[in-house]
Amino acid sequence: METNQQDSLAIAQTLEDYYFKGIYEGNVDTLGNIFNPGTLLFGDIKGQPYAKTLDQYLDGVKNRQSPKDSGKPFKGTIISIDVVNSIAVAKVHVKMYEFNYDEFLSFHKIDNRWLIVNKMITDVSE
């Protein structure tokens, strides 16, 4: 049980220090540090299917105005983290621009680091 608690804390720290910070600042180097290179992203935005490779996603982040630079509200919230051995799923909520996203982020512990290996996203009403 102690390992799961330590792993949950490590994932929470990764989400706060890299994921939320990288999205807020629009920093693709920070974001790229926590994604496995083969990560795929799926979901729906405003009812439309969403599917991207990691490179497509990072390119989009790089070429948009960051929430930080826009001055618009941004908030990342960890809803839950479930860890089983070397895999985990984090449910997070991200509010940015006019969107409210619910996300499921799949993690795998590779070389003693928790990396995102899949991202599922949908926009929800407040």
C-alpha atoms as a PDB file:
ATOM      1  CA  MET A   1       0.000   0.000   0.000  1.00  0.00           C
ATOM      2  CA  GLU A   2       2.858   2.391   0.761  1.00  0.00           C
ATOM      3  CA  THR A   3       4.208   2.048  -2.776  1.00  0.00           C
ATOM      4  CA  ASN A   4       0.798   2.933  -4.243  1.00  0.00           C
ATOM      5  CA  GLN A   5       0.655   5.996  -2.008  1.00  0.00           C
ATOM      6  CA  GLN A   6       4.182   7.050  -3.031  1.00  0.00           C
ATOM      7  CA  ASP A   7       3.345   6.421  -6.681  1.00  0.00           C
ATOM      8  CA  SER A   8       0.091   8.410  -6.406  1.00  0.00           C
ATOM      9  CA  LEU A   9       2.028  11.299  -4.881  1.00  0.00           C
ATOM     10  CA  ALA A  10       4.659  11.092  -7.639  1.00  0.00           C
ATOM     11  CA  ILE A  11       1.936  11.191 -10.320  1.00  0.00           C
ATOM     12  CA  ALA A  12       0.216  14.130  -8.600  1.00  0.00           C
ATOM     13  CA  GLN A  13       3.534  15.982  -8.509  1.00  0.00           C
ATOM     14  CA  THR A  14       4.090  15.223 -12.213  1.00  0.00           C
ATOM     15  CA  LEU A  15       0.630  16.552 -13.042  1.00  0.00           C
ATOM     16  CA  GLU A  16       1.175  19.765 -11.075  1.00  0.00           C
ATOM     17  CA  ASP A  17       4.805  20.454 -12.067  1.00  0.00           C
ATOM     18  CA  TYR A  18       4.702  19.388 -15.718  1.00  0.00           C
ATOM     19  CA  TYR A  19       1.224  18.734 -17.119  1.00  0.00           C
ATOM     20  CA  PHE A  20      -0.803  21.653 -15.744  1.00  0.00           C
ATOM     21  CA  LYS A  21       2.184  24.024 -15.807  1.00  0.00           C
ATOM     22  CA  GLY A  22       3.079  23.048 -19.391  1.00  0.00           C
ATOM     23  CA  ILE A  23      -0.485  23.593 -20.620  1.00  0.00           C
ATOM     24  CA  TYR A  24      -0.812  26.908 -18.755  1.00  0.00           C
ATOM     25  CA  GLU A  25       2.495  28.274 -20.060  1.00  0.00           C
ATOM     26  CA  GLY A  26       2.222  26.661 -23.509  1.00  0.00           C
ATOM     27  CA  ASN A  27       5.627  25.084 -22.887  1.00  0.00           C
ATOM     28  CA  VAL A  28       6.024  22.057 -25.178  1.00  0.00           C
ATOM     29  CA  ASP A  29       9.393  21.148 -23.627  1.00  0.00           C
ATOM     30  CA  THR A  30       7.776  20.849 -20.204  1.00  0.00           C
ATOM     31  CA  LEU A  31       4.868  18.840 -21.637  1.00  0.00           C
ATOM     32  CA  GLY A  32       7.089  16.674 -23.827  1.00  0.00           C
ATOM     33  CA  ASN A  33       9.030  15.626 -20.747  1.00  0.00           C
ATOM     34  CA  ILE A  34       6.073  13.667 -19.320  1.00  0.00           C
ATOM     35  CA  PHE A  35       4.624  12.057 -22.449  1.00  0.00           C
ATOM     36  CA  ASN A  36       5.814   8.772 -23.902  1.00  0.00           C
ATOM     37  CA  PRO A  37       6.777   9.474 -27.558  1.00  0.00           C
ATOM     38  CA  GLY A  38       4.058   7.102 -28.859  1.00  0.00           C
ATOM     39  CA  THR A  39       1.211   8.720 -26.908  1.00  0.00           C
ATOM     40  CA  LEU A  40      -2.123   9.055 -28.706  1.00  0.00           C
ATOM     41  CA  LEU A  41      -4.917  11.452 -27.784  1.00  0.00           C
ATOM     42  CA  PHE A  42      -8.618  10.733 -28.353  1.00  0.00           C
ATOM     43  CA  GLY A  43     -11.984  12.139 -27.372  1.00  0.00           C
ATOM     44  CA  ASP A  44     -14.514  14.707 -28.483  1.00  0.00           C
ATOM     45  CA  ILE A  45     -14.578  18.479 -28.383  1.00  0.00           C
ATOM     46  CA  LYS A  46     -17.945  20.215 -28.781  1.00  0.00           C
ATOM     47  CA  GLY A  47     -19.361  16.916 -30.048  1.00  0.00           C
ATOM     48  CA  GLN A  48     -16.706  16.474 -32.734  1.00  0.00           C
ATOM     49  CA  PRO A  49     -14.271  13.531 -32.704  1.00  0.00           C
ATOM     50  CA  TYR A  50     -10.761  14.376 -31.527  1.00  0.00           C
ATOM     51  CA  ALA A  51      -7.767  12.218 -32.447  1.00  0.00           C
ATOM     52  CA  LYS A  52      -4.136  13.337 -32.491  1.00  0.00           C
ATOM     53  CA  THR A  53      -0.653  11.992 -32.242  1.00  0.00           C
ATOM     54  CA  LEU A  54       1.604  13.474 -29.586  1.00  0.00           C
ATOM     55  CA  ASP A  55       3.459  15.509 -32.218  1.00  0.00           C
ATOM     56  CA  GLN A  56       0.175  16.966 -33.528  1.00  0.00           C
ATOM     57  CA  TYR A  57      -0.918  17.830 -29.992  1.00  0.00           C
ATOM     58  CA  LEU A  58       2.389  19.497 -29.060  1.00  0.00           C
ATOM     59  CA  ASP A  59       2.376  21.417 -32.345  1.00  0.00           C
ATOM     60  CA  GLY A  60      -1.091  22.745 -31.481  1.00  0.00           C
ATOM     61  CA  VAL A  61       0.076  23.813 -28.014  1.00  0.00           C
ATOM     62  CA  LYS A  62       3.141  25.486 -29.525  1.00  0.00           C
ATOM     63  CA  ASN A  63       1.117  27.451 -32.086  1.00  0.00           C
ATOM     64  CA  ARG A  64      -1.716  28.716 -29.870  1.00  0.00           C
ATOM     65  CA  GLN A  65      -1.685  31.547 -27.389  1.00  0.00           C
ATOM     66  CA  SER A  66      -1.049  30.056 -23.969  1.00  0.00           C
ATOM     67  CA  PRO A  67      -3.641  30.539 -21.226  1.00  0.00           C
ATOM     68  CA  LYS A  68      -0.927  32.422 -19.297  1.00  0.00           C
ATOM     69  CA  ASP A  69      -0.362  34.901 -22.145  1.00  0.00           C
ATOM     70  CA  SER A  70      -4.100  35.259 -22.830  1.00  0.00           C
ATOM     71  CA  GLY A  71      -4.852  36.356 -19.279  1.00  0.00           C
ATOM     72  CA  LYS A  72      -7.902  34.095 -19.310  1.00  0.00           C
ATOM     73  CA  PRO A  73      -8.712  31.751 -16.417  1.00  0.00           C
ATOM     74  CA  PHE A  74      -6.874  28.444 -16.145  1.00  0.00           C
ATOM     75  CA  LYS A  75      -7.262  25.772 -13.510  1.00  0.00           C
ATOM     76  CA  GLY A  76      -6.082  22.181 -13.424  1.00  0.00           C
ATOM     77  CA  THR A  77      -7.633  19.909 -10.823  1.00  0.00           C
ATOM     78  CA  ILE A  78      -6.762  16.315  -9.984  1.00  0.00           C
ATOM     79  CA  ILE A  79      -9.987  14.371  -9.400  1.00  0.00           C
ATOM     80  CA  SER A  80      -8.510  10.918  -8.771  1.00  0.00           C
ATOM     81  CA  ILE A  81      -5.455   8.745  -9.282  1.00  0.00           C
ATOM     82  CA  ASP A  82      -5.631   4.943  -9.374  1.00  0.00           C
ATOM     83  CA  VAL A  83      -2.378   2.962  -9.366  1.00  0.00           C
ATOM     84  CA  VAL A  84      -1.928  -0.781  -9.969  1.00  0.00           C
ATOM     85  CA  ASN A  85       1.686  -1.934 -10.109  1.00  0.00           C
ATOM     86  CA  SER A  86       3.352  -0.033 -12.979  1.00  0.00           C
ATOM     87  CA  ILE A  87       0.174   1.419 -14.526  1.00  0.00           C
ATOM     88  CA  ALA A  88      -2.122   4.197 -13.404  1.00  0.00           C
ATOM     89  CA  VAL A  89      -5.037   6.348 -14.508  1.00  0.00           C
ATOM     90  CA  ALA A  90      -5.540   9.941 -13.425  1.00  0.00           C
ATOM     91  CA  LYS A  91      -8.836  11.737 -13.888  1.00  0.00           C
ATOM     92  CA  VAL A  92      -8.298  15.474 -14.125  1.00  0.00           C
ATOM     93  CA  HIS A  93     -10.374  18.544 -14.904  1.00  0.00           C
ATOM     94  CA  VAL A  94      -8.870  21.399 -16.904  1.00  0.00           C
ATOM     95  CA  LYS A  95     -10.582  24.771 -17.278  1.00  0.00           C
ATOM     96  CA  MET A  96      -9.044  26.940 -19.967  1.00  0.00           C
ATOM     97  CA  TYR A  97     -10.385  29.528 -22.371  1.00  0.00           C
ATOM     98  CA  GLU A  98     -14.112  28.787 -22.733  1.00  0.00           C
ATOM     99  CA  PHE A  99     -13.605  25.043 -22.247  1.00  0.00           C
ATOM    100  CA  ASN A 100     -14.053  22.695 -19.319  1.00  0.00           C
ATOM    101  CA  TYR A 101     -12.284  19.430 -20.056  1.00  0.00           C
ATOM    102  CA  ASP A 102     -12.606  16.130 -18.253  1.00  0.00           C
ATOM    103  CA  GLU A 103      -9.571  14.015 -19.043  1.00  0.00           C
ATOM    104  CA  PHE A 104      -8.401  10.493 -18.357  1.00  0.00           C
ATOM    105  CA  LEU A 105      -4.610  10.230 -18.488  1.00  0.00           C
ATOM    106  CA  SER A 106      -3.067   6.753 -18.596  1.00  0.00           C
ATOM    107  CA  PHE A 107       0.371   6.457 -17.035  1.00  0.00           C
ATOM    108  CA  HIS A 108       3.034   3.765 -17.222  1.00  0.00           C
ATOM    109  CA  LYS A 109       6.102   3.658 -15.000  1.00  0.00           C
ATOM    110  CA  ILE A 110       9.041   3.395 -17.396  1.00  0.00           C
ATOM    111  CA  ASP A 111      12.642   3.537 -16.130  1.00  0.00           C
ATOM    112  CA  ASN A 112      11.291   4.573 -12.720  1.00  0.00           C
ATOM    113  CA  ARG A 113       9.405   7.587 -14.202  1.00  0.00           C
ATOM    114  CA  TRP A 114       5.656   7.974 -14.572  1.00  0.00           C
ATOM    115  CA  LEU A 115       4.908   8.908 -18.194  1.00  0.00           C
ATOM    116  CA  ILE A 116       1.576   9.634 -19.876  1.00  0.00           C
ATOM    117  CA  VAL A 117       0.949   6.976 -22.537  1.00  0.00           C
ATOM    118  CA  ASN A 118      -2.633   7.911 -23.506  1.00  0.00           C
ATOM    119  CA  LYS A 119      -4.892  10.936 -23.139  1.00  0.00           C
ATOM    120  CA  MET A 120      -8.684  10.826 -23.414  1.00  0.00           C
ATOM    121  CA  ILE A 121     -10.479  14.187 -23.402  1.00  0.00           C
ATOM    122  CA  THR A 122     -14.004  15.543 -23.592  1.00  0.00           C
ATOM    123  CA  ASP A 123     -15.496  18.952 -22.973  1.00  0.00           C
ATOM    124  CA  VAL A 124     -18.264  19.214 -20.407  1.00  0.00           C
ATOM    125  CA  SER A 125     -20.572  21.965 -19.210  1.00  0.00           C
ATOM    126  CA  GLU A 126     -19.647  23.605 -15.919  1.00  0.00           C
END
